[in-house]
Amino acid sequence: MNPPALPPFDFHGYRVAVAGGSKGIGRSIALAFADAGAAVSVCARGQTALDGVAREIGARGGTVHARSGDLANADTIRAWIDAAAGALGGLDVLVNNASGYGFGDDDAGWLAGFEVDLMAAVRASRQALPHLQRSPHASILHTSSIAAFHPRRHGAPYAAVKAALSQYTTSQALALAEHRIRVNAIAPGSIEFPDGLWDRRRREEPGLYAATLAKIPFGRYGRPEEIAHAALFLASPWAGWITGQTLCVDGGQQLNG
């Protein structure tokens, strides 16, 4: 079945920055905002994929800014946010979607998640704050995970860091409410897209792929566009009284643990 058409969100006049926006969920979020009329800046490490999403946004007739860099690096984030605000004329929405995919229970696994999933979000938020304070409809969106809500036999670093990000969402929402800046997170379930984590596991670990699929009540993996739809809603005036929340978008997957 084809996904439904997007609801008539109107983001004309919005300036949106998407960290980790060149592939999968981030790419879909960037394109969805562009389709709804927003000017979009994307930062990611892979230049080829970054150039591709920039071309796609440009082909839609929208204003686009792109900058490559390692989001684990504070200087990269500082330079990107400043350049994005300059190119777009300010910022209204910050989407922190990057992940270090720190699954290994060693220092490298923990640090990958800490620097990219958590600290990149903290640093980008801090750098974007002066711009967001000047916006009449400012919001911050973080990409968490349903892994944050359950113990994991494997991938403990990823789950722990995502749990920290969800908690940071609540504290940040409380701190920024006086500035009328809303802060929310999206917790995706297992999302499949070409050459993404679950696409690779389908080929390389078919047993794990099948076992995970069996736990999803809707009987399929999620699509990146379904996370993008939630992002549009949470950044829109329709969600103007929603802040400090983590919205699960998982086809009921976490209901089965």
Protein backbone atom coordinates (compact mmCIF):
# COMPACT_ATOMS: atom_id res chain seq x y z
CA MET A 1 0.00 0.00 0.00
CA ASN A 2 1.33 3.43 -0.90
CA PRO A 3 1.87 5.89 1.97
CA PRO A 4 -0.82 8.54 2.33
CA ALA A 5 -0.32 12.01 0.92
CA LEU A 6 1.13 14.52 3.36
CA PRO A 7 -1.39 16.68 5.20
CA PRO A 8 -1.39 20.32 4.10
CA PHE A 9 1.36 21.58 6.40
CA ASP A 10 2.58 25.00 5.38
CA PHE A 11 6.15 25.85 6.33
CA HIS A 12 6.68 28.73 3.93
CA GLY A 13 8.84 31.27 5.72
CA TYR A 14 10.34 28.68 8.09
CA ARG A 15 14.10 28.10 8.25
CA VAL A 16 14.95 24.51 9.21
CA ALA A 17 18.34 22.98 10.10
CA VAL A 18 18.65 19.18 9.99
CA ALA A 19 21.69 17.49 11.55
CA GLY A 20 22.31 14.07 10.04
CA GLY A 21 20.01 14.83 7.13
CA SER A 22 21.61 13.10 4.16
CA LYS A 23 20.21 9.56 4.46
CA GLY A 24 17.25 7.63 5.77
CA ILE A 25 15.16 9.40 8.39
CA GLY A 26 17.12 12.66 8.23
CA ARG A 27 16.87 12.85 4.47
CA SER A 28 13.12 12.24 4.60
CA ILE A 29 12.70 14.95 7.24
CA ALA A 30 14.70 17.45 5.20
CA LEU A 31 12.73 16.69 2.03
CA ALA A 32 9.39 16.82 3.84
CA PHE A 33 10.12 20.29 5.20
CA ALA A 34 11.26 21.41 1.75
CA ASP A 35 8.09 20.00 0.17
CA ALA A 36 6.08 22.00 2.71
CA GLY A 37 7.82 25.23 1.68
CA ALA A 38 10.64 25.58 4.22
CA ALA A 39 14.18 26.69 3.52
CA VAL A 40 16.43 23.86 4.68
CA SER A 41 20.04 23.44 5.78
CA VAL A 42 21.51 19.96 6.10
CA CYS A 43 24.72 18.83 7.77
CA ALA A 44 26.17 15.34 7.45
CA ARG A 45 29.52 13.66 7.13
CA GLY A 46 29.18 11.92 3.76
CA GLN A 47 29.68 14.43 0.97
CA THR A 48 28.14 12.31 -1.80
CA ALA A 49 24.86 11.71 0.04
CA LEU A 50 24.82 15.31 1.23
CA ASP A 51 25.17 16.58 -2.33
CA GLY A 52 22.36 14.27 -3.37
CA VAL A 53 19.83 15.54 -0.84
CA ALA A 54 20.83 19.13 -1.60
CA ARG A 55 20.08 18.50 -5.29
CA GLU A 56 16.72 16.96 -4.39
CA ILE A 57 15.75 19.98 -2.30
CA GLY A 58 16.96 22.36 -4.99
CA ALA A 59 14.93 20.50 -7.60
CA ARG A 60 11.84 21.26 -5.53
CA GLY A 61 12.56 24.95 -5.95
CA GLY A 62 13.37 25.55 -2.30
CA THR A 63 16.23 27.37 -0.65
CA VAL A 64 18.89 24.90 0.42
CA HIS A 65 22.17 25.09 2.32
CA ALA A 66 24.46 22.10 2.92
CA ARG A 67 27.68 21.65 4.84
CA SER A 68 29.70 18.50 5.38
CA GLY A 69 31.38 17.73 8.65
CA ASP A 70 31.71 15.39 11.59
CA LEU A 71 28.94 16.20 14.06
CA ALA A 72 31.00 14.71 16.88
CA ASN A 73 33.17 17.82 16.55
CA ALA A 74 32.02 20.95 18.39
CA ASP A 75 33.72 23.27 15.92
CA THR A 76 31.87 21.63 13.03
CA ILE A 77 28.53 22.23 14.72
CA ARG A 78 29.36 25.81 15.56
CA ALA A 79 30.41 26.58 11.98
CA TRP A 80 27.40 24.80 10.47
CA ILE A 81 24.76 26.48 12.62
CA ASP A 82 26.27 29.92 12.02
CA ALA A 83 26.51 29.30 8.28
CA ALA A 84 22.98 27.88 8.13
CA ALA A 85 21.50 30.87 9.94
CA GLY A 86 23.39 33.20 7.62
CA ALA A 87 22.32 31.38 4.46
CA LEU A 88 18.67 31.01 5.47
CA GLY A 89 18.28 34.34 7.24
CA GLY A 90 17.73 32.80 10.68
CA LEU A 91 16.44 29.56 12.18
CA ASP A 92 13.00 28.43 13.28
CA VAL A 93 13.39 24.67 13.63
CA LEU A 94 16.40 22.57 14.64
CA VAL A 95 16.27 18.83 14.01
CA ASN A 96 18.95 16.78 15.77
CA ASN A 97 18.84 13.48 13.93
CA ALA A 98 22.48 12.35 13.78
CA SER A 99 23.51 9.05 15.36
CA GLY A 100 26.86 7.46 16.03
CA TYR A 101 25.17 4.02 16.19
CA GLY A 102 27.21 3.12 19.26
CA PHE A 103 26.17 -0.51 19.76
CA GLY A 104 29.47 -1.98 20.92
CA ASP A 105 29.93 -2.25 24.69
CA ASP A 106 33.42 -0.76 24.60
CA ASP A 107 34.71 2.77 24.97
CA ALA A 108 34.38 3.42 21.23
CA GLY A 109 30.72 2.39 21.25
CA TRP A 110 29.87 4.51 24.26
CA LEU A 111 31.77 7.54 23.01
CA ALA A 112 30.22 7.36 19.53
CA GLY A 113 26.76 7.61 21.03
CA PHE A 114 27.70 10.18 23.61
CA GLU A 115 29.38 12.55 21.15
CA VAL A 116 26.95 12.24 18.23
CA ASP A 117 23.55 11.24 19.61
CA LEU A 118 23.72 13.34 22.77
CA MET A 119 26.42 16.01 22.72
CA ALA A 120 25.82 16.98 19.10
CA ALA A 121 22.20 17.70 20.05
CA VAL A 122 23.29 19.69 23.10
CA ARG A 123 25.87 21.69 21.14
CA ALA A 124 23.63 22.39 18.17
CA SER A 125 20.83 23.51 20.48
CA ARG A 126 23.18 25.82 22.35
CA GLN A 127 24.52 27.34 19.14
CA ALA A 128 21.06 27.73 17.60
CA LEU A 129 19.46 29.24 20.69
CA PRO A 130 20.08 32.93 19.86
CA HIS A 131 18.50 32.40 16.43
CA LEU A 132 15.56 30.42 17.80
CA GLN A 133 14.87 33.09 20.39
CA ARG A 134 14.18 35.51 17.55
CA SER A 135 11.69 33.15 15.88
CA PRO A 136 7.93 33.46 16.46
CA HIS A 137 7.49 29.68 16.05
CA ALA A 138 10.68 28.08 17.30
CA SER A 139 11.04 24.41 18.07
CA ILE A 140 13.70 21.76 18.53
CA LEU A 141 13.23 18.11 17.57
CA HIS A 142 15.49 15.27 18.68
CA THR A 143 15.54 11.75 17.23
CA SER A 144 15.51 9.32 20.13
CA SER A 145 14.53 5.64 19.83
CA ILE A 146 12.16 3.11 21.36
CA ALA A 147 15.38 1.46 22.54
CA ALA A 148 15.42 4.15 25.24
CA PHE A 149 12.43 2.58 27.01
CA HIS A 150 13.51 -1.03 27.49
CA PRO A 151 16.58 -2.92 28.74
CA ARG A 152 18.70 -4.42 25.99
CA ARG A 153 20.87 -7.49 26.09
CA HIS A 154 22.88 -6.06 23.19
CA GLY A 155 23.45 -2.44 22.25
CA ALA A 156 23.31 -1.05 25.78
CA PRO A 157 25.29 2.11 24.87
CA TYR A 158 22.80 3.05 22.14
CA ALA A 159 19.80 2.55 24.45
CA ALA A 160 21.38 4.43 27.34
CA VAL A 161 22.37 7.43 25.24
CA LYS A 162 18.93 7.61 23.61
CA ALA A 163 17.36 7.47 27.09
CA ALA A 164 19.57 10.38 28.08
CA LEU A 165 18.43 12.27 24.98
CA SER A 166 14.78 11.70 25.84
CA GLN A 167 15.39 12.95 29.38
CA TYR A 168 17.31 15.95 28.03
CA THR A 169 14.26 16.72 25.91
CA THR A 170 12.15 17.19 29.03
CA SER A 171 14.70 19.33 30.87
CA GLN A 172 15.39 21.43 27.79
CA ALA A 173 11.67 21.93 27.19
CA LEU A 174 11.23 23.23 30.72
CA ALA A 175 14.23 25.54 30.48
CA LEU A 176 13.23 26.99 27.10
CA ALA A 177 9.50 27.38 27.71
CA GLU A 178 10.03 30.93 28.94
CA HIS A 179 11.47 31.72 25.51
CA ARG A 180 8.46 30.07 23.83
CA ILE A 181 10.71 27.44 22.27
CA ARG A 182 9.09 24.01 22.16
CA VAL A 183 11.28 20.89 22.48
CA ASN A 184 10.13 17.39 21.59
CA ALA A 185 11.62 14.08 20.52
CA ILE A 186 10.55 11.30 18.20
CA ALA A 187 11.30 7.70 19.14
CA PRO A 188 11.24 5.62 15.95
CA GLY A 189 10.86 1.90 15.94
CA SER A 190 12.78 -0.21 13.44
CA ILE A 191 12.91 1.74 10.18
CA GLU A 192 14.04 0.15 6.93
CA PHE A 193 15.49 1.99 3.93
CA PRO A 194 18.07 1.14 1.26
CA ASP A 195 21.49 0.47 2.82
CA GLY A 196 20.20 1.42 6.25
CA LEU A 197 20.73 -0.61 9.42
CA TRP A 198 17.74 -2.93 8.92
CA ASP A 199 18.34 -3.32 5.20
CA ARG A 200 21.86 -4.50 6.00
CA ARG A 201 20.61 -6.81 8.74
CA ARG A 202 18.08 -8.30 6.32
CA ARG A 203 21.03 -9.38 4.18
CA GLU A 204 23.65 -10.08 6.84
CA GLU A 205 21.62 -11.21 9.88
CA PRO A 206 18.35 -12.63 8.51
CA GLY A 207 17.52 -14.34 11.80
CA LEU A 208 17.65 -11.08 13.76
CA TYR A 209 15.75 -9.31 10.98
CA ALA A 210 12.94 -11.89 11.09
CA ALA A 211 12.79 -11.96 14.90
CA THR A 212 12.47 -8.19 15.06
CA LEU A 213 9.81 -8.14 12.36
CA ALA A 214 7.82 -10.72 14.32
CA LYS A 215 7.58 -8.27 17.24
CA ILE A 216 6.02 -5.49 15.16
CA PRO A 217 2.22 -5.79 15.41
CA PHE A 218 1.70 -4.06 12.07
CA GLY A 219 3.75 -6.78 10.39
CA ARG A 220 6.25 -4.57 8.60
CA TYR A 221 9.19 -2.30 9.22
CA GLY A 222 8.61 1.43 9.30
CA ARG A 223 9.44 3.87 6.53
CA PRO A 224 11.53 7.05 6.95
CA GLU A 225 8.63 9.10 5.61
CA GLU A 226 6.51 8.05 8.58
CA ILE A 227 9.01 9.66 10.94
CA ALA A 228 9.10 12.76 8.74
CA HIS A 229 5.32 13.10 9.00
CA ALA A 230 5.60 13.14 12.78
CA ALA A 231 8.38 15.73 12.59
CA LEU A 232 6.24 18.05 10.47
CA PHE A 233 3.40 17.78 12.94
CA LEU A 234 5.55 18.44 16.01
CA ALA A 235 7.17 21.49 14.38
CA SER A 236 3.87 22.89 13.15
CA PRO A 237 1.36 25.22 14.83
CA TRP A 238 -0.92 22.18 15.15
CA ALA A 239 1.42 21.05 17.95
CA GLY A 240 1.70 24.50 19.49
CA TRP A 241 0.76 23.27 22.97
CA ILE A 242 3.03 20.20 22.92
CA THR A 243 6.48 20.35 24.49
CA GLY A 244 8.72 18.05 26.50
CA GLN A 245 7.29 14.90 24.88
CA THR A 246 8.84 11.87 23.22
CA LEU A 247 6.49 10.53 20.57
CA CYS A 248 6.87 6.85 19.69
CA VAL A 249 6.38 6.07 15.99
CA ASP A 250 6.80 2.33 15.82
CA GLY A 251 3.71 0.47 14.56
CA GLY A 252 3.22 -0.81 18.12
CA GLN A 253 6.68 -2.42 18.26
CA GLN A 254 7.44 -1.42 21.84
CA LEU A 255 4.16 -2.95 23.00
CA ASN A 256 5.92 -6.29 22.58
CA GLY A 257 9.02 -5.21 24.50
